[in-house]
Amino acid sequence: MNEPTTVSVVERDSGIKWIQIKGDLDSLGTQMVDEPLTSAISDRTSKVLIDLADVGFISSAGMALLLVKGKMLRRGGGNMYLASATDRVSEVLSLAGFNELFNLYSTADEALKNLESA
């Protein structure tokens, strides 16, 4: 059995919420992180960076989760950014058109540097 999918949140001095997801974003993993992710982005005006470095697989359920949370933030005046996707996850996101919906960064450091200087 795989390790459970988890979420950790770091609120940066700049106000950006850096959320690291560890594990697969399949239907079970998505259920495991939905509530903690919703709690982490309860302030809809936040800038949120989702770090996908430790996500080995993403299914349609995982993509739907990101879409819904991103839409919630945009409606409130915030925004969601994605970073550090593995080649496998990046390919799936690209095929699904996520590069047109979200700013995708190759690393979390690159994203934080860009977002915190804006």
Protein backbone atom coordinates (compact mmCIF):
# COMPACT_ATOMS: atom_id res chain seq x y z
CA MET A 1 0.00 0.00 0.00
CA ASN A 2 1.23 3.48 -0.84
CA GLU A 3 1.94 6.14 1.76
CA PRO A 4 -0.97 8.49 2.44
CA THR A 5 -1.06 11.72 0.49
CA THR A 6 -0.35 14.71 2.72
CA VAL A 7 -0.35 18.50 2.60
CA SER A 8 2.02 20.84 4.41
CA VAL A 9 1.56 24.60 4.43
CA VAL A 10 4.14 27.32 4.98
CA GLU A 11 2.97 30.91 5.11
CA ARG A 12 5.83 33.07 3.87
CA ASP A 13 6.58 36.55 5.22
CA SER A 14 5.39 37.86 1.85
CA GLY A 15 1.93 36.38 2.52
CA ILE A 16 2.28 33.66 -0.10
CA LYS A 17 1.03 30.26 1.04
CA TRP A 18 3.47 27.58 -0.10
CA ILE A 19 1.61 24.28 -0.10
CA GLN A 20 3.55 21.07 -0.61
CA ILE A 21 1.66 17.95 -1.59
CA LYS A 22 3.35 14.59 -1.03
CA GLY A 23 1.90 11.46 -2.60
CA ASP A 24 -0.34 10.60 -5.50
CA LEU A 25 -3.25 12.82 -6.50
CA ASP A 26 -5.47 9.93 -7.53
CA SER A 27 -9.04 9.57 -6.25
CA LEU A 28 -7.93 8.42 -2.77
CA GLY A 29 -5.11 10.96 -2.47
CA THR A 30 -7.41 13.74 -3.59
CA GLN A 31 -9.91 12.81 -0.86
CA MET A 32 -7.09 12.86 1.70
CA VAL A 33 -5.92 16.38 0.82
CA ASP A 34 -9.22 18.07 -0.05
CA GLU A 35 -10.12 19.23 3.47
CA PRO A 36 -6.60 20.34 4.52
CA LEU A 37 -6.20 22.17 1.22
CA THR A 38 -9.56 23.90 1.62
CA SER A 39 -8.58 24.99 5.15
CA ALA A 40 -5.22 26.27 3.94
CA ILE A 41 -6.81 28.49 1.30
CA SER A 42 -9.79 29.70 3.32
CA ASP A 43 -8.62 33.27 2.69
CA ARG A 44 -9.69 33.52 -0.95
CA THR A 45 -7.51 36.60 -1.53
CA SER A 46 -4.31 34.58 -1.03
CA LYS A 47 -1.54 33.89 -3.48
CA VAL A 48 -1.07 30.13 -3.25
CA LEU A 49 1.86 28.14 -4.62
CA ILE A 50 1.16 24.43 -5.01
CA ASP A 51 4.46 22.53 -4.95
CA LEU A 52 4.07 19.27 -6.88
CA ALA A 53 7.68 18.02 -6.50
CA ASP A 54 6.59 14.99 -4.46
CA VAL A 55 3.51 14.11 -6.52
CA GLY A 56 4.30 11.06 -8.62
CA PHE A 57 0.91 10.67 -10.27
CA ILE A 58 -2.10 12.86 -10.97
CA SER A 59 -5.47 11.61 -12.18
CA SER A 60 -8.52 13.48 -13.41
CA ALA A 61 -9.65 13.68 -9.76
CA GLY A 62 -6.42 15.47 -8.82
CA MET A 63 -6.71 17.84 -11.77
CA ALA A 64 -10.33 18.59 -10.85
CA LEU A 65 -9.25 19.39 -7.29
CA LEU A 66 -6.67 21.90 -8.56
CA LEU A 67 -9.16 23.45 -10.95
CA VAL A 68 -11.84 23.87 -8.29
CA LYS A 69 -9.43 25.34 -5.71
CA GLY A 70 -7.87 27.64 -8.33
CA LYS A 71 -11.30 28.87 -9.37
CA MET A 72 -12.27 29.51 -5.74
CA LEU A 73 -9.19 31.64 -5.26
CA ARG A 74 -9.69 33.61 -8.47
CA ARG A 75 -13.29 34.40 -7.53
CA GLY A 76 -12.05 35.83 -4.23
CA GLY A 77 -9.27 37.88 -5.80
CA GLY A 78 -6.46 35.43 -5.07
CA ASN A 79 -4.53 33.15 -7.41
CA MET A 80 -2.97 29.70 -7.57
CA TYR A 81 0.40 28.86 -9.08
CA LEU A 82 1.86 25.42 -9.73
CA ALA A 83 5.51 24.46 -9.42
CA SER A 84 8.00 21.61 -9.50
CA ALA A 85 5.86 19.06 -11.32
CA THR A 86 7.73 15.90 -12.25
CA ASP A 87 8.07 15.17 -15.97
CA ARG A 88 5.22 12.66 -15.77
CA VAL A 89 2.84 15.04 -13.94
CA SER A 90 3.92 17.98 -16.08
CA GLU A 91 3.08 16.07 -19.25
CA VAL A 92 -0.41 15.22 -17.96
CA LEU A 93 -1.03 18.84 -16.91
CA SER A 94 0.18 20.11 -20.27
CA LEU A 95 -2.04 17.71 -22.21
CA ALA A 96 -5.00 18.86 -20.10
CA GLY A 97 -4.26 22.52 -20.91
CA PHE A 98 -3.21 23.55 -17.40
CA ASN A 99 -0.41 25.66 -18.89
CA GLU A 100 -3.14 27.95 -20.23
CA LEU A 101 -5.02 28.11 -16.90
CA PHE A 102 -2.18 28.43 -14.38
CA ASN A 103 1.30 29.87 -14.22
CA LEU A 104 3.54 26.80 -14.11
CA TYR A 105 7.06 27.11 -12.72
CA SER A 106 9.78 24.51 -13.09
CA THR A 107 10.87 24.92 -9.45
CA ALA A 108 9.34 26.28 -6.25
CA ASP A 109 12.38 28.56 -5.79
CA GLU A 110 11.80 30.11 -9.21
CA ALA A 111 8.11 30.61 -8.43
CA LEU A 112 8.75 32.16 -5.01
CA LYS A 113 11.43 34.47 -6.38
CA ASN A 114 9.06 35.62 -9.14
CA LEU A 115 5.95 35.94 -6.95
CA GLU A 116 7.69 37.66 -4.06
CA SER A 117 9.29 40.26 -6.31
CA ALA A 118 5.96 41.16 -7.94
